[in-house]
Amino acid sequence: MIDIKFIKSENRAVAYDNEMEIGECEFEELEDTWNIIHTGVDSKYQGQGIAKTLVKCVIENSEKYNKKLIADCSYAKKVLETN
């Protein structure tokens, strides 16, 4: 089972398969805005919607922390535009 954890102190959401890290969505904090700079998933786990779930985790937490959201990461930008 894949677990998604948001780690604010590290500015990222992380996907785990048991205890093995298999993906992440990283952002940088710019005053009142979070900029998603990287989203990646281990090639063995691609095609399962994990990257989208990671980006959605950052989106949910940006709302929780009252932060605007932008994306330099092309994948995350696509998810933001369709959300």
N, C-alpha and C. Protein backbone atom coordinates (compact mmCIF):
# COMPACT_ATOMS: atom_id res chain seq x y z
N MET A 1 0.83 -1.19 0.00
CA MET A 1 0.00 0.00 0.00
C MET A 1 0.88 1.26 0.00
N ILE A 2 0.49 2.23 -0.80
CA ILE A 2 1.25 3.47 -0.92
C ILE A 2 0.72 4.48 0.10
N ASP A 3 1.62 5.05 0.89
CA ASP A 3 1.29 6.09 1.87
C ASP A 3 1.84 7.41 1.38
N ILE A 4 1.05 8.47 1.53
CA ILE A 4 1.50 9.82 1.19
C ILE A 4 1.61 10.61 2.49
N LYS A 5 2.76 11.24 2.69
CA LYS A 5 2.97 12.05 3.89
C LYS A 5 3.41 13.45 3.48
N PHE A 6 2.85 14.45 4.15
CA PHE A 6 3.26 15.84 3.93
C PHE A 6 4.26 16.20 5.02
N ILE A 7 5.44 16.64 4.62
CA ILE A 7 6.49 16.99 5.58
C ILE A 7 6.82 18.46 5.40
N LYS A 8 6.11 19.31 6.13
CA LYS A 8 6.25 20.77 5.96
C LYS A 8 7.68 21.23 6.24
N SER A 9 8.33 20.64 7.26
CA SER A 9 9.69 21.06 7.62
C SER A 9 10.69 20.81 6.49
N GLU A 10 10.34 19.91 5.55
CA GLU A 10 11.22 19.61 4.41
C GLU A 10 10.66 20.17 3.10
N ASN A 11 9.51 20.87 3.19
CA ASN A 11 8.86 21.45 2.01
C ASN A 11 8.61 20.40 0.92
N ARG A 12 7.95 19.30 1.31
CA ARG A 12 7.66 18.27 0.32
C ARG A 12 6.58 17.31 0.80
N ALA A 13 5.95 16.68 -0.17
CA ALA A 13 5.06 15.55 0.07
C ALA A 13 5.80 14.33 -0.44
N VAL A 14 5.72 13.22 0.29
CA VAL A 14 6.50 12.04 -0.04
C VAL A 14 5.58 10.82 -0.12
N ALA A 15 5.85 9.97 -1.11
CA ALA A 15 5.13 8.70 -1.26
C ALA A 15 6.03 7.57 -0.77
N TYR A 16 5.46 6.69 0.03
CA TYR A 16 6.19 5.54 0.56
C TYR A 16 5.48 4.24 0.19
N ASP A 17 6.25 3.24 -0.17
CA ASP A 17 5.75 1.87 -0.29
C ASP A 17 6.36 1.15 0.89
N ASN A 18 5.56 0.87 1.90
CA ASN A 18 6.05 0.45 3.21
C ASN A 18 6.97 1.56 3.71
N GLU A 19 8.24 1.29 3.92
CA GLU A 19 9.14 2.35 4.42
C GLU A 19 10.05 2.90 3.34
N MET A 20 9.89 2.43 2.09
CA MET A 20 10.76 2.87 1.00
C MET A 20 10.15 4.09 0.31
N GLU A 21 10.94 5.17 0.21
CA GLU A 21 10.50 6.38 -0.48
C GLU A 21 10.49 6.12 -1.98
N ILE A 22 9.32 6.35 -2.60
CA ILE A 22 9.18 6.05 -4.03
C ILE A 22 8.82 7.28 -4.86
N GLY A 23 8.54 8.40 -4.21
CA GLY A 23 8.20 9.60 -4.96
C GLY A 23 8.14 10.82 -4.06
N GLU A 24 8.21 12.00 -4.69
CA GLU A 24 8.13 13.23 -3.91
C GLU A 24 7.65 14.37 -4.78
N CYS A 25 7.09 15.36 -4.10
CA CYS A 25 6.71 16.63 -4.72
C CYS A 25 7.29 17.71 -3.83
N GLU A 26 8.29 18.42 -4.36
CA GLU A 26 9.01 19.43 -3.57
C GLU A 26 8.54 20.84 -3.94
N PHE A 27 8.52 21.72 -2.94
CA PHE A 27 8.16 23.11 -3.19
C PHE A 27 9.08 24.02 -2.41
N GLU A 28 9.19 25.27 -2.87
CA GLU A 28 9.92 26.28 -2.11
C GLU A 28 8.91 27.29 -1.60
N GLU A 29 9.16 27.81 -0.42
CA GLU A 29 8.26 28.77 0.19
C GLU A 29 8.76 30.18 -0.09
N LEU A 30 7.90 30.99 -0.70
CA LEU A 30 8.22 32.37 -1.04
C LEU A 30 7.17 33.26 -0.38
N GLU A 31 7.42 33.72 0.82
CA GLU A 31 6.48 34.53 1.59
C GLU A 31 5.11 33.87 1.66
N ASP A 32 4.12 34.39 0.91
CA ASP A 32 2.77 33.82 1.00
C ASP A 32 2.47 32.84 -0.13
N THR A 33 3.51 32.37 -0.82
CA THR A 33 3.33 31.48 -1.98
C THR A 33 4.24 30.26 -1.88
N TRP A 34 3.71 29.12 -2.30
CA TRP A 34 4.54 27.92 -2.46
C TRP A 34 4.71 27.68 -3.95
N ASN A 35 5.95 27.43 -4.36
CA ASN A 35 6.27 27.14 -5.76
C ASN A 35 6.70 25.68 -5.86
N ILE A 36 5.90 24.87 -6.53
CA ILE A 36 6.28 23.45 -6.72
C ILE A 36 7.40 23.42 -7.75
N ILE A 37 8.55 22.88 -7.34
CA ILE A 37 9.72 22.89 -8.21
C ILE A 37 10.08 21.52 -8.77
N HIS A 38 9.55 20.45 -8.17
CA HIS A 38 9.90 19.12 -8.66
C HIS A 38 8.85 18.10 -8.21
N THR A 39 8.46 17.23 -9.14
CA THR A 39 7.62 16.09 -8.82
C THR A 39 8.22 14.89 -9.53
N GLY A 40 8.43 13.82 -8.79
CA GLY A 40 9.00 12.62 -9.40
C GLY A 40 8.57 11.36 -8.68
N VAL A 41 8.46 10.28 -9.46
CA VAL A 41 8.08 8.97 -8.92
C VAL A 41 9.02 7.93 -9.52
N ASP A 42 9.46 7.00 -8.70
CA ASP A 42 10.32 5.91 -9.15
C ASP A 42 9.69 5.23 -10.37
N SER A 43 10.50 4.91 -11.36
CA SER A 43 9.98 4.37 -12.63
C SER A 43 9.14 3.10 -12.44
N LYS A 44 9.42 2.31 -11.42
CA LYS A 44 8.65 1.08 -11.18
C LYS A 44 7.22 1.38 -10.74
N TYR A 45 6.97 2.62 -10.29
CA TYR A 45 5.66 2.98 -9.75
C TYR A 45 4.90 3.97 -10.62
N GLN A 46 5.45 4.33 -11.75
CA GLN A 46 4.80 5.31 -12.61
C GLN A 46 3.53 4.74 -13.23
N GLY A 47 2.60 5.63 -13.59
CA GLY A 47 1.36 5.20 -14.23
C GLY A 47 0.28 4.80 -13.24
N GLN A 48 0.50 5.02 -11.95
CA GLN A 48 -0.48 4.64 -10.93
C GLN A 48 -1.17 5.86 -10.29
N GLY A 49 -0.88 7.06 -10.79
CA GLY A 49 -1.50 8.26 -10.24
C GLY A 49 -0.82 8.79 -8.99
N ILE A 50 0.36 8.29 -8.68
CA ILE A 50 1.05 8.71 -7.45
C ILE A 50 1.50 10.16 -7.55
N ALA A 51 2.05 10.56 -8.69
CA ALA A 51 2.50 11.95 -8.85
C ALA A 51 1.34 12.92 -8.66
N LYS A 52 0.20 12.60 -9.25
CA LYS A 52 -0.98 13.46 -9.12
C LYS A 52 -1.41 13.55 -7.66
N THR A 53 -1.37 12.43 -6.95
CA THR A 53 -1.74 12.41 -5.53
C THR A 53 -0.78 13.26 -4.71
N LEU A 54 0.51 13.22 -5.05
CA LEU A 54 1.50 14.04 -4.36
C LEU A 54 1.23 15.53 -4.56
N VAL A 55 0.94 15.91 -5.80
CA VAL A 55 0.65 17.32 -6.09
C VAL A 55 -0.63 17.74 -5.35
N LYS A 56 -1.64 16.88 -5.37
CA LYS A 56 -2.89 17.20 -4.67
C LYS A 56 -2.67 17.34 -3.17
N CYS A 57 -1.76 16.58 -2.62
CA CYS A 57 -1.41 16.70 -1.20
C CYS A 57 -0.83 18.08 -0.91
N VAL A 58 0.04 18.56 -1.78
CA VAL A 58 0.61 19.91 -1.61
C VAL A 58 -0.49 20.96 -1.78
N ILE A 59 -1.39 20.76 -2.74
CA ILE A 59 -2.50 21.70 -2.94
C ILE A 59 -3.35 21.80 -1.67
N GLU A 60 -3.73 20.65 -1.11
CA GLU A 60 -4.55 20.63 0.11
C GLU A 60 -3.86 21.34 1.26
N ASN A 61 -2.56 21.12 1.39
CA ASN A 61 -1.83 21.74 2.49
C ASN A 61 -1.60 23.23 2.25
N SER A 62 -1.49 23.64 1.00
CA SER A 62 -1.35 25.08 0.72
C SER A 62 -2.62 25.81 1.17
N GLU A 63 -3.77 25.16 0.98
CA GLU A 63 -5.03 25.75 1.44
C GLU A 63 -5.07 25.80 2.97
N LYS A 64 -4.62 24.73 3.59
CA LYS A 64 -4.60 24.65 5.05
C LYS A 64 -3.73 25.75 5.66
N TYR A 65 -2.59 26.04 5.01
CA TYR A 65 -1.65 27.05 5.51
C TYR A 65 -1.87 28.42 4.87
N ASN A 66 -2.97 28.58 4.12
CA ASN A 66 -3.30 29.85 3.46
C ASN A 66 -2.18 30.37 2.57
N LYS A 67 -1.65 29.50 1.73
CA LYS A 67 -0.59 29.87 0.79
C LYS A 67 -1.12 29.81 -0.64
N LYS A 68 -0.70 30.75 -1.46
CA LYS A 68 -0.98 30.68 -2.89
C LYS A 68 -0.05 29.61 -3.46
N LEU A 69 -0.41 29.10 -4.62
CA LEU A 69 0.38 28.01 -5.20
C LEU A 69 0.70 28.32 -6.66
N ILE A 70 1.99 28.16 -7.01
CA ILE A 70 2.44 28.25 -8.40
C ILE A 70 3.33 27.03 -8.65
N ALA A 71 3.68 26.81 -9.91
CA ALA A 71 4.52 25.65 -10.21
C ALA A 71 5.50 25.94 -11.33
N ASP A 72 6.78 25.75 -11.05
CA ASP A 72 7.80 25.72 -12.09
C ASP A 72 7.88 24.32 -12.69
N CYS A 73 7.50 23.32 -11.90
CA CYS A 73 7.47 21.93 -12.35
C CYS A 73 6.35 21.79 -13.39
N SER A 74 6.70 21.33 -14.59
CA SER A 74 5.72 21.27 -15.68
C SER A 74 4.56 20.32 -15.37
N TYR A 75 4.84 19.21 -14.71
CA TYR A 75 3.77 18.26 -14.37
C TYR A 75 2.80 18.90 -13.37
N ALA A 76 3.35 19.49 -12.32
CA ALA A 76 2.50 20.11 -11.31
C ALA A 76 1.69 21.26 -11.91
N LYS A 77 2.29 22.01 -12.83
CA LYS A 77 1.58 23.12 -13.49
C LYS A 77 0.35 22.59 -14.22
N LYS A 78 0.51 21.44 -14.89
CA LYS A 78 -0.61 20.82 -15.61
C LYS A 78 -1.71 20.42 -14.64
N VAL A 79 -1.34 19.84 -13.50
CA VAL A 79 -2.33 19.44 -12.50
C VAL A 79 -3.05 20.67 -11.93
N LEU A 80 -2.30 21.73 -11.65
CA LEU A 80 -2.91 22.95 -11.12
C LEU A 80 -3.91 23.55 -12.12
N GLU A 81 -3.58 23.51 -13.39
CA GLU A 81 -4.47 24.09 -14.41
C GLU A 81 -5.77 23.31 -14.55
N THR A 82 -5.74 22.01 -14.26
CA THR A 82 -6.95 21.19 -14.40
C THR A 82 -7.71 21.07 -13.09
N ASN A 83 -7.15 21.60 -12.01
CA ASN A 83 -7.79 21.49 -10.70
C ASN A 83 -8.73 22.64 -10.44
